[in-house]
Amino acid sequence: MLINEVCKKTKLTKKAVEYYVLQGLLSPEVSKNGYRNFRKEDAERLSKISVLRKLGLGIEDIKAVLSDSSNAVLQKLSVRKELLSRKALKKAAILEELSCGRDYQEISRELDALEQNATIEERLLNSFPGYYGKFICLHFASFLDEPVSSENQKEAYQEIIDFLDNVPELQFPEEIQEYLEENTSGITVEQINSIVEKQKKSVEEPEKFLEENKETLEFFYRYMQSEEYKASPAYKFRLLLKEFNQSTGYYDVFIPAMKKLSPAYAKYQQLIEIAGEKLLAAYPQQEENI
C-alpha cells in the first residue's frame, strides 16, 4: 500500500510516517518509480509506534520495545514511569513549599538528593533482570526520599554506586528463566507496590501477621520441606539468588551502605530482625528458610 493508504489505516499523518521511516523504525520497500510500498506488517508496526508515542516513549525506547519479543523492555519502562511519577509529585510539593517562602538553598539540597537517589533507582533497575529487578528497585525506592547531607551518607551513596556499577549480571538458567517469565510476566507495577507495602506491614506488626496468616504459613513451611518444592524451579531460583547475593557483596556491602544512607531503611532492617525472631519462635524448624 502507498503512504496515503497507510496513513488512513493507521490514522497517522504523512509527516509522522516519513519521520518514523527516517528514524529507522520501519523500512518499507521502495518501488522502481521511487514510491514507498508499505506492507501489512509495516502498518501494524506503525500502529504500535503510535500507541507507544502516545504513552510518552521516545524514539530510542520505541526501538528497544519493538526489538524485544519478551516485553522485558516494556516492563522496565513501566517501572521508570512509576519512579518518574513519584519524583514529579515530590517536585510539585517542593515547588509549593518554595512558593510559600522556603529558602532556595534548602530546596536546592532536596533536589540534589532527589537526583542522586534517582541514580540509585536507575542502577538498581539495570543491575537485576526481570521481575526481581523491578521488585528490588521499587522496594528500595521507598527508602530513598531522604536528603543526602552527612559525610557518612555521602560515603554510603558512593559505596552503593560502586557496588551497582561492578555487580556482575545475574544470569538465570533457561529453566528458571522460563519459570520466572511464566509466573511474573503479568505482574504490574501496581501489584508490586502492593506486595512491597504488605511486606512492610507484616514487619511492622509481626504478631498480627502471624495470627492472621497462621494457616497459610503452616502450609507454606510444610511445602518448603517437601521433595516437590526442592525439585522445583522456585527452590533453584532461591538458592541461585542466595548464592549470588553472598558472592557479590549484596549482604556485606550493599545492605550496610543502604542502612548508612537511609535512617528509614536502618529502622526497617531492625524491624525485620525482630520479625524474624518472632517468626523463628513460632516455626523453629524453619531456621534455614527464615
Protein backbone atom coordinates (compact mmCIF):
# COMPACT_ATOMS: atom_id res chain seq x y z
CA MET A 1 0.00 0.00 0.00
CA LEU A 2 1.14 3.58 -0.65
CA ILE A 3 1.72 6.16 2.09
CA ASN A 4 -1.74 7.75 1.72
CA GLU A 5 -3.39 4.40 2.33
CA VAL A 6 -1.20 3.51 5.30
CA CYS A 7 -1.91 6.96 6.80
CA LYS A 8 -5.63 6.33 6.50
CA LYS A 9 -5.27 2.87 8.02
CA THR A 10 -3.11 3.95 10.98
CA LYS A 11 -4.60 7.45 11.44
CA LEU A 12 -1.12 8.96 11.27
CA THR A 13 -0.08 11.97 9.26
CA LYS A 14 2.20 11.64 6.26
CA LYS A 15 4.89 13.62 8.05
CA ALA A 16 4.71 11.29 11.07
CA VAL A 17 5.10 8.19 8.90
CA GLU A 18 8.01 9.74 6.99
CA TYR A 19 9.65 10.69 10.30
CA TYR A 20 9.40 7.13 11.64
CA VAL A 21 10.90 5.80 8.41
CA LEU A 22 13.73 8.35 8.67
CA GLN A 23 14.39 7.27 12.28
CA GLY A 24 14.72 3.65 11.19
CA LEU A 25 11.62 2.38 12.98
CA LEU A 26 10.46 0.67 9.78
CA SER A 27 11.86 0.12 6.29
CA PRO A 28 9.17 -0.08 3.59
CA GLU A 29 10.10 -1.33 0.15
CA VAL A 30 10.85 1.28 -2.49
CA SER A 31 9.41 0.58 -5.95
CA LYS A 32 11.14 1.36 -9.25
CA ASN A 33 9.23 4.64 -9.59
CA GLY A 34 10.50 5.75 -6.17
CA TYR A 35 7.27 5.30 -4.23
CA ARG A 36 7.40 3.59 -0.85
CA ASN A 37 5.37 0.40 -0.67
CA PHE A 38 4.13 -0.37 2.86
CA ARG A 39 3.28 -3.96 3.79
CA LYS A 40 0.63 -5.10 6.25
CA GLU A 41 3.42 -5.66 8.80
CA ASP A 42 4.56 -2.05 8.37
CA ALA A 43 1.03 -0.79 9.11
CA GLU A 44 0.83 -2.97 12.22
CA ARG A 45 4.24 -1.70 13.35
CA LEU A 46 3.13 1.91 12.81
CA SER A 47 0.04 1.29 14.93
CA LYS A 48 2.28 0.04 17.76
CA ILE A 49 4.57 3.04 17.34
CA SER A 50 1.58 5.37 17.57
CA VAL A 51 0.46 3.79 20.85
CA LEU A 52 3.96 3.96 22.34
CA ARG A 53 4.35 7.61 21.30
CA LYS A 54 1.03 8.47 22.98
CA LEU A 55 2.40 6.85 26.12
CA GLY A 56 5.31 9.30 26.02
CA LEU A 57 8.09 6.99 24.83
CA GLY A 58 10.98 8.43 22.85
CA ILE A 59 12.38 7.00 19.62
CA GLU A 60 15.21 5.02 21.26
CA ASP A 61 12.85 3.45 23.80
CA ILE A 62 10.43 2.55 20.99
CA LYS A 63 13.24 0.88 19.05
CA ALA A 64 14.12 -1.16 22.14
CA VAL A 65 10.49 -2.17 22.70
CA LEU A 66 9.94 -3.22 19.07
CA SER A 67 13.09 -5.33 19.05
CA ASP A 68 12.17 -7.14 22.28
CA SER A 69 9.83 -10.12 21.99
CA SER A 70 9.67 -10.83 25.75
CA ASN A 71 8.19 -7.48 26.87
CA ALA A 72 11.11 -7.10 29.30
CA VAL A 73 11.85 -3.60 28.00
CA LEU A 74 8.21 -2.55 28.45
CA GLN A 75 8.23 -3.88 32.00
CA LYS A 76 11.38 -1.93 32.83
CA LEU A 77 9.96 1.22 31.24
CA SER A 78 6.79 0.89 33.32
CA VAL A 79 8.90 0.96 36.49
CA ARG A 80 10.79 4.00 35.22
CA LYS A 81 7.48 5.77 34.58
CA GLU A 82 6.36 4.92 38.12
CA LEU A 83 9.56 6.32 39.60
CA LEU A 84 9.33 9.47 37.46
CA SER A 85 5.74 9.92 38.59
CA ARG A 86 6.82 9.73 42.24
CA LYS A 87 9.59 12.25 41.59
CA ALA A 88 7.15 14.61 39.84
CA LEU A 89 4.85 14.56 42.89
CA LYS A 90 7.78 15.31 45.20
CA LYS A 91 8.94 18.17 42.98
CA ALA A 92 5.41 19.59 42.93
CA ALA A 93 5.37 19.53 46.74
CA ILE A 94 8.79 21.22 46.86
CA LEU A 95 7.58 23.88 44.39
CA GLU A 96 4.61 24.55 46.67
CA GLU A 97 6.96 24.99 49.63
CA LEU A 98 9.10 27.36 47.58
CA SER A 99 6.03 29.43 46.75
CA CYS A 100 5.34 29.71 50.48
CA GLY A 101 8.72 31.32 51.09
CA ARG A 102 11.01 28.39 51.84
CA ASP A 103 14.73 29.04 51.41
CA TYR A 104 16.14 28.36 47.93
CA GLN A 105 19.31 26.80 49.34
CA GLU A 106 17.34 24.21 51.31
CA ILE A 107 15.25 23.44 48.24
CA SER A 108 18.41 23.02 46.18
CA ARG A 109 19.75 20.40 48.62
CA GLU A 110 16.50 18.46 48.44
CA LEU A 111 16.54 18.50 44.65
CA ASP A 112 20.17 17.31 44.60
CA ALA A 113 19.14 14.42 46.87
CA LEU A 114 16.26 13.55 44.53
CA GLU A 115 18.66 13.38 41.57
CA GLN A 116 21.16 11.26 43.49
CA ASN A 117 18.50 8.84 44.65
CA ALA A 118 17.11 8.62 41.12
CA THR A 119 20.59 7.45 40.04
CA ILE A 120 20.46 4.62 42.59
CA GLU A 121 16.98 3.61 41.45
CA GLU A 122 18.00 3.53 37.79
CA ARG A 123 21.10 1.47 38.53
CA LEU A 124 19.13 -0.94 40.68
CA LEU A 125 16.71 -1.45 37.82
CA ASN A 126 19.54 -2.05 35.36
CA SER A 127 21.56 -4.33 37.66
CA PHE A 128 18.94 -7.02 38.17
CA PRO A 129 16.76 -8.64 35.49
CA GLY A 130 13.04 -9.07 35.11
CA TYR A 131 10.59 -9.19 37.97
CA TYR A 132 13.35 -9.35 40.60
CA GLY A 133 14.87 -6.12 39.29
CA LYS A 134 11.51 -4.36 39.30
CA PHE A 135 10.70 -5.58 42.81
CA ILE A 136 14.07 -4.68 44.33
CA CYS A 137 14.02 -1.25 42.67
CA LEU A 138 10.52 -0.36 43.89
CA HIS A 139 11.28 -1.80 47.33
CA PHE A 140 14.38 0.34 47.90
CA ALA A 141 12.95 3.38 46.11
CA SER A 142 10.55 3.90 49.02
CA PHE A 143 13.54 4.44 51.32
CA LEU A 144 15.30 6.94 49.07
CA ASP A 145 13.27 10.02 49.97
CA GLU A 146 15.71 11.45 52.48
CA PRO A 147 18.34 14.10 51.69
CA VAL A 148 21.98 13.02 51.50
CA SER A 149 23.60 15.54 53.83
CA SER A 150 26.13 13.99 56.24
CA GLU A 151 29.59 12.78 55.22
CA ASN A 152 28.54 9.30 56.34
CA GLN A 153 25.59 9.36 53.92
CA LYS A 154 27.74 10.67 51.07
CA GLU A 155 30.20 7.84 51.67
CA ALA A 156 27.36 5.30 51.71
CA TYR A 157 25.95 6.73 48.48
CA GLN A 158 29.30 6.21 46.74
CA GLU A 159 29.57 2.67 48.14
CA ILE A 160 26.15 1.84 46.67
CA ILE A 161 27.03 3.34 43.28
CA ASP A 162 30.34 1.44 43.18
CA PHE A 163 28.58 -1.80 44.13
CA LEU A 164 25.90 -1.40 41.44
CA ASP A 165 28.50 -0.42 38.83
CA ASN A 166 30.54 -3.56 39.49
CA VAL A 167 27.94 -6.19 40.36
CA PRO A 168 28.01 -8.92 37.67
CA GLU A 169 24.93 -9.60 35.59
CA LEU A 170 22.59 -12.04 37.27
CA GLN A 171 22.23 -14.92 34.82
CA PHE A 172 19.42 -17.46 35.12
CA PRO A 173 19.49 -20.96 33.63
CA GLU A 174 16.88 -21.48 30.92
CA GLU A 175 14.59 -23.50 33.21
CA ILE A 176 14.49 -20.73 35.82
CA GLN A 177 14.14 -18.02 33.18
CA GLU A 178 11.08 -19.78 31.74
CA TYR A 179 9.64 -20.23 35.24
CA LEU A 180 10.07 -16.53 36.06
CA GLU A 181 8.61 -15.36 32.75
CA GLU A 182 5.62 -17.68 33.12
CA ASN A 183 4.87 -16.67 36.72
CA THR A 184 5.71 -12.96 36.75
CA SER A 185 5.19 -11.58 33.24
CA GLY A 186 1.66 -10.38 34.04
CA ILE A 187 2.52 -8.72 37.36
CA THR A 188 2.03 -4.96 37.15
CA VAL A 189 3.86 -2.12 38.90
CA GLU A 190 0.73 -1.53 40.98
CA GLN A 191 0.76 -5.16 42.14
CA ILE A 192 4.46 -4.97 43.02
CA ASN A 193 3.81 -1.80 45.03
CA SER A 194 1.04 -3.65 46.86
CA ILE A 195 3.38 -6.56 47.63
CA VAL A 196 6.03 -4.14 48.93
CA GLU A 197 3.52 -2.39 51.19
CA LYS A 198 2.18 -5.69 52.56
CA GLN A 199 5.74 -6.80 53.24
CA LYS A 200 6.40 -3.62 55.22
CA LYS A 201 3.14 -4.03 57.13
CA SER A 202 3.99 -7.62 58.10
CA VAL A 203 7.33 -6.45 59.50
CA GLU A 204 5.79 -3.55 61.43
CA GLU A 205 3.13 -5.80 63.02
CA PRO A 206 4.62 -9.32 63.11
CA GLU A 207 2.28 -10.69 65.79
CA LYS A 208 -0.77 -9.60 63.81
CA PHE A 209 0.71 -11.01 60.62
CA LEU A 210 1.44 -14.37 62.25
CA GLU A 211 -2.04 -14.60 63.73
CA GLU A 212 -3.89 -13.61 60.53
CA ASN A 213 -1.79 -15.89 58.29
CA LYS A 214 -1.26 -18.86 60.59
CA GLU A 215 -2.81 -21.50 58.29
CA THR A 216 -1.12 -20.11 55.19
CA LEU A 217 2.29 -20.03 56.87
CA GLU A 218 1.93 -23.57 58.19
CA PHE A 219 1.04 -24.82 54.71
CA PHE A 220 3.87 -22.79 53.18
CA TYR A 221 6.53 -24.10 55.53
CA ARG A 222 5.31 -27.70 55.14
CA TYR A 223 5.60 -27.30 51.40
CA MET A 224 9.11 -25.87 51.72
CA GLN A 225 10.20 -29.10 53.41
CA SER A 226 8.77 -31.30 50.66
CA GLU A 227 10.76 -33.03 47.94
CA GLU A 228 8.39 -31.49 45.39
CA TYR A 229 9.49 -27.99 46.39
CA LYS A 230 13.18 -28.91 46.49
CA ALA A 231 12.91 -30.17 42.92
CA SER A 232 11.08 -27.06 41.72
CA PRO A 233 12.43 -24.05 39.76
CA ALA A 234 11.28 -21.85 42.69
CA TYR A 235 13.71 -23.60 45.05
CA LYS A 236 16.52 -23.47 42.49
CA PHE A 237 15.86 -19.75 41.97
CA ARG A 238 16.01 -19.14 45.73
CA LEU A 239 19.35 -20.96 46.03
CA LEU A 240 20.77 -19.16 43.00
CA LEU A 241 19.70 -15.77 44.35
CA LYS A 242 21.13 -16.53 47.80
CA GLU A 243 24.46 -17.60 46.31
CA PHE A 244 24.55 -14.53 44.04
CA ASN A 245 23.84 -12.14 46.91
CA GLN A 246 26.50 -13.76 49.11
CA SER A 247 29.18 -13.81 46.43
CA THR A 248 28.65 -10.26 45.14
CA GLY A 249 28.64 -8.46 48.48
CA TYR A 250 24.93 -7.66 48.46
CA TYR A 251 24.67 -8.58 52.15
CA ASP A 252 28.11 -7.33 53.19
CA VAL A 253 28.36 -4.12 51.14
CA PHE A 254 25.04 -3.01 49.68
CA ILE A 255 22.73 -3.58 52.68
CA PRO A 256 25.09 -1.94 55.23
CA ALA A 257 25.54 1.02 52.87
CA MET A 258 21.76 1.37 52.48
CA LYS A 259 21.43 1.44 56.26
CA LYS A 260 24.01 4.25 56.42
CA LEU A 261 22.38 6.18 53.60
CA SER A 262 18.79 5.89 54.82
CA PRO A 263 17.81 6.10 58.52
CA ALA A 264 14.35 4.85 57.46
CA TYR A 265 15.89 1.73 55.94
CA ALA A 266 18.08 1.17 59.01
CA LYS A 267 14.93 1.24 61.15
CA TYR A 268 13.19 -1.12 58.73
CA GLN A 269 16.09 -3.58 59.00
CA GLN A 270 15.75 -3.55 62.78
CA LEU A 271 12.07 -4.40 62.40
CA ILE A 272 12.97 -7.25 60.02
CA GLU A 273 15.33 -8.73 62.63
CA ILE A 274 12.62 -8.52 65.33
CA ALA A 275 10.02 -10.04 62.97
CA GLY A 276 12.48 -12.80 62.05
CA GLU A 277 12.97 -13.69 65.71
CA LYS A 278 9.20 -13.89 66.25
CA LEU A 279 8.77 -16.00 63.12
CA LEU A 280 11.55 -18.33 64.22
CA ALA A 281 9.98 -18.67 67.66
CA ALA A 282 6.71 -19.69 66.01
CA TYR A 283 8.37 -22.03 63.48
CA PRO A 284 11.74 -23.11 64.99
CA GLN A 285 12.13 -25.95 62.48
CA GLN A 286 12.30 -23.39 59.66
CA GLU A 287 15.50 -21.62 60.73
CA GLU A 288 17.11 -22.23 57.30
CA ASN A 289 14.13 -20.68 55.48
CA ILE A 290 13.56 -17.58 57.65
